[in-house]
Amino acid sequence: MRKKHPRIKKNDKVIVRVGREVDKIGTVLKVDKEKGRVIVEKINMIKRHSRPSPQTGQGGIIEKEAPIHISNVMIVCDKCAEPTRIGMRVLEDGSKVRVCKKCGEPMDR
């Protein structure tokens, strides 16, 4: 079965729609297409205990972002500042751009 290409990219502003972090807004740091997950800045924070090692130096408790499923986040349009779905449009020069379904403005700068 072929997976759909995720329409959320790095540095997009997204809002969390379900879970304990509902209605929080953050920036996408990383997108994992194979697993269908995204890592959002300051969202879904977890604590990891690490041992001292030559690479890390001092050990301790490290807080970092855990991945969220891509279906649980929704992109926020820069122009209308609302959560929206994304459509694709082909411009005159033949390039494809993502567009906001609410205001119709292109999302890619």
C-alpha atoms as a PDB file:
ATOM      1  CA  MET A   1       0.000   0.000   0.000  1.00  0.00           C
ATOM      2  CA  ARG A   2       1.349   3.394  -0.978  1.00  0.00           C
ATOM      3  CA  LYS A   3       1.500   6.049   1.724  1.00  0.00           C
ATOM      4  CA  LYS A   4       0.377   9.583   0.993  1.00  0.00           C
ATOM      5  CA  HIS A   5       3.007  12.278   0.918  1.00  0.00           C
ATOM      6  CA  PRO A   6       2.710  14.363   4.095  1.00  0.00           C
ATOM      7  CA  ARG A   7       1.677  17.904   3.377  1.00  0.00           C
ATOM      8  CA  ILE A   8       3.269  19.181   6.578  1.00  0.00           C
ATOM      9  CA  LYS A   9       6.891  20.251   6.222  1.00  0.00           C
ATOM     10  CA  LYS A  10       9.705  21.412   8.468  1.00  0.00           C
ATOM     11  CA  ASN A  11       9.270  24.949   9.920  1.00  0.00           C
ATOM     12  CA  ASP A  12       5.461  24.877   9.437  1.00  0.00           C
ATOM     13  CA  LYS A  13       3.359  26.243  12.275  1.00  0.00           C
ATOM     14  CA  VAL A  14       0.937  23.544  13.504  1.00  0.00           C
ATOM     15  CA  ILE A  15      -1.726  23.183  16.190  1.00  0.00           C
ATOM     16  CA  VAL A  16      -2.279  19.950  18.114  1.00  0.00           C
ATOM     17  CA  ARG A  17      -5.873  18.745  17.697  1.00  0.00           C
ATOM     18  CA  VAL A  18      -6.061  15.722  20.069  1.00  0.00           C
ATOM     19  CA  GLY A  19      -4.312  14.377  23.144  1.00  0.00           C
ATOM     20  CA  ARG A  20      -3.084  15.988  26.319  1.00  0.00           C
ATOM     21  CA  GLU A  21      -1.376  18.831  24.418  1.00  0.00           C
ATOM     22  CA  VAL A  22      -4.608  19.897  22.661  1.00  0.00           C
ATOM     23  CA  ASP A  23      -4.780  23.459  21.213  1.00  0.00           C
ATOM     24  CA  LYS A  24      -1.051  24.144  21.660  1.00  0.00           C
ATOM     25  CA  ILE A  25       0.781  25.723  18.739  1.00  0.00           C
ATOM     26  CA  GLY A  26       4.369  24.959  17.785  1.00  0.00           C
ATOM     27  CA  THR A  27       6.840  24.754  14.922  1.00  0.00           C
ATOM     28  CA  VAL A  28       7.643  21.459  13.191  1.00  0.00           C
ATOM     29  CA  LEU A  29      11.263  20.445  13.805  1.00  0.00           C
ATOM     30  CA  LYS A  30      11.309  17.134  11.922  1.00  0.00           C
ATOM     31  CA  VAL A  31       8.976  15.054   9.722  1.00  0.00           C
ATOM     32  CA  ASP A  32       9.283  11.246   9.531  1.00  0.00           C
ATOM     33  CA  LYS A  33       7.489  10.215   6.324  1.00  0.00           C
ATOM     34  CA  GLU A  34       7.915   6.458   6.798  1.00  0.00           C
ATOM     35  CA  LYS A  35       6.349   6.380  10.277  1.00  0.00           C
ATOM     36  CA  GLY A  36       3.939   9.270   9.627  1.00  0.00           C
ATOM     37  CA  ARG A  37       5.093  11.273  12.636  1.00  0.00           C
ATOM     38  CA  VAL A  38       6.245  14.816  13.347  1.00  0.00           C
ATOM     39  CA  ILE A  39       8.318  16.377  16.129  1.00  0.00           C
ATOM     40  CA  VAL A  40       6.927  19.747  17.218  1.00  0.00           C
ATOM     41  CA  GLU A  41       8.907  22.294  19.229  1.00  0.00           C
ATOM     42  CA  LYS A  42       8.018  22.299  22.978  1.00  0.00           C
ATOM     43  CA  ILE A  43       5.103  19.837  22.446  1.00  0.00           C
ATOM     44  CA  ASN A  44       4.855  16.296  23.899  1.00  0.00           C
ATOM     45  CA  MET A  45       7.910  16.716  26.148  1.00  0.00           C
ATOM     46  CA  ILE A  46       9.343  13.557  27.741  1.00  0.00           C
ATOM     47  CA  LYS A  47      12.141  12.949  30.228  1.00  0.00           C
ATOM     48  CA  ARG A  48      15.024  10.601  29.459  1.00  0.00           C
ATOM     49  CA  HIS A  49      17.594   9.449  31.997  1.00  0.00           C
ATOM     50  CA  SER A  50      21.094   9.326  30.531  1.00  0.00           C
ATOM     51  CA  ARG A  51      24.358   7.921  31.833  1.00  0.00           C
ATOM     52  CA  PRO A  52      27.563   9.915  31.710  1.00  0.00           C
ATOM     53  CA  SER A  53      29.544   9.028  28.591  1.00  0.00           C
ATOM     54  CA  PRO A  54      32.471  10.518  26.675  1.00  0.00           C
ATOM     55  CA  GLN A  55      30.081  11.966  24.040  1.00  0.00           C
ATOM     56  CA  THR A  56      27.508  13.500  26.411  1.00  0.00           C
ATOM     57  CA  GLY A  57      29.786  14.235  29.339  1.00  0.00           C
ATOM     58  CA  GLN A  58      27.629  14.675  32.419  1.00  0.00           C
ATOM     59  CA  GLY A  59      24.589  12.397  32.762  1.00  0.00           C
ATOM     60  CA  GLY A  60      21.207  13.293  34.196  1.00  0.00           C
ATOM     61  CA  ILE A  61      17.610  13.826  33.196  1.00  0.00           C
ATOM     62  CA  ILE A  62      17.167  15.237  29.695  1.00  0.00           C
ATOM     63  CA  GLU A  63      13.871  16.726  28.485  1.00  0.00           C
ATOM     64  CA  LYS A  64      13.151  16.362  24.777  1.00  0.00           C
ATOM     65  CA  GLU A  65      10.257  16.329  22.319  1.00  0.00           C
ATOM     66  CA  ALA A  66       8.583  13.020  21.472  1.00  0.00           C
ATOM     67  CA  PRO A  67       7.005  12.430  18.041  1.00  0.00           C
ATOM     68  CA  ILE A  68       3.264  12.925  17.445  1.00  0.00           C
ATOM     69  CA  HIS A  69       1.267  11.222  14.691  1.00  0.00           C
ATOM     70  CA  ILE A  70       0.843  13.492  11.686  1.00  0.00           C
ATOM     71  CA  SER A  71      -2.962  13.089  11.774  1.00  0.00           C
ATOM     72  CA  ASN A  72      -3.101  14.676  15.231  1.00  0.00           C
ATOM     73  CA  VAL A  73      -1.746  18.042  14.074  1.00  0.00           C
ATOM     74  CA  MET A  74      -3.222  20.620  11.721  1.00  0.00           C
ATOM     75  CA  ILE A  75      -1.319  23.314   9.873  1.00  0.00           C
ATOM     76  CA  VAL A  76      -1.964  26.970  10.773  1.00  0.00           C
ATOM     77  CA  CYS A  77      -2.161  29.428   7.865  1.00  0.00           C
ATOM     78  CA  ASP A  78       0.136  32.460   8.094  1.00  0.00           C
ATOM     79  CA  LYS A  79      -2.344  34.794   6.394  1.00  0.00           C
ATOM     80  CA  CYS A  80      -5.661  33.963   8.106  1.00  0.00           C
ATOM     81  CA  ALA A  81      -4.044  32.584  11.341  1.00  0.00           C
ATOM     82  CA  GLU A  82      -6.494  29.671  11.551  1.00  0.00           C
ATOM     83  CA  PRO A  83      -6.061  25.888  11.453  1.00  0.00           C
ATOM     84  CA  THR A  84      -6.757  24.749   7.918  1.00  0.00           C
ATOM     85  CA  ARG A  85      -6.464  21.927   5.436  1.00  0.00           C
ATOM     86  CA  ILE A  86      -4.022  22.158   2.572  1.00  0.00           C
ATOM     87  CA  GLY A  87      -4.683  21.988  -1.157  1.00  0.00           C
ATOM     88  CA  MET A  88      -2.260  21.894  -4.059  1.00  0.00           C
ATOM     89  CA  ARG A  89      -2.231  24.342  -6.965  1.00  0.00           C
ATOM     90  CA  VAL A  90      -0.106  24.469 -10.104  1.00  0.00           C
ATOM     91  CA  LEU A  91       1.153  27.941 -10.972  1.00  0.00           C
ATOM     92  CA  GLU A  92       1.651  29.377 -14.469  1.00  0.00           C
ATOM     93  CA  ASP A  93       5.344  28.460 -14.445  1.00  0.00           C
ATOM     94  CA  GLY A  94       4.469  24.801 -13.736  1.00  0.00           C
ATOM     95  CA  SER A  95       5.523  24.723 -10.080  1.00  0.00           C
ATOM     96  CA  LYS A  96       3.255  23.219  -7.424  1.00  0.00           C
ATOM     97  CA  VAL A  97       2.461  25.171  -4.261  1.00  0.00           C
ATOM     98  CA  ARG A  98       0.451  24.367  -1.145  1.00  0.00           C
ATOM     99  CA  VAL A  99      -2.578  26.613  -0.639  1.00  0.00           C
ATOM    100  CA  CYS A 100      -4.830  27.314   2.348  1.00  0.00           C
ATOM    101  CA  LYS A 101      -8.320  25.865   1.872  1.00  0.00           C
ATOM    102  CA  LYS A 102      -9.902  28.722   3.864  1.00  0.00           C
ATOM    103  CA  CYS A 103      -8.365  31.855   2.325  1.00  0.00           C
ATOM    104  CA  GLY A 104      -6.837  30.394  -0.861  1.00  0.00           C
ATOM    105  CA  GLU A 105      -3.441  32.022  -0.267  1.00  0.00           C
ATOM    106  CA  PRO A 106      -0.230  30.101  -1.065  1.00  0.00           C
ATOM    107  CA  MET A 107       1.478  28.610   1.998  1.00  0.00           C
ATOM    108  CA  ASP A 108       4.976  28.335   0.485  1.00  0.00           C
ATOM    109  CA  ARG A 109       6.970  31.531   0.500  1.00  0.00           C
END
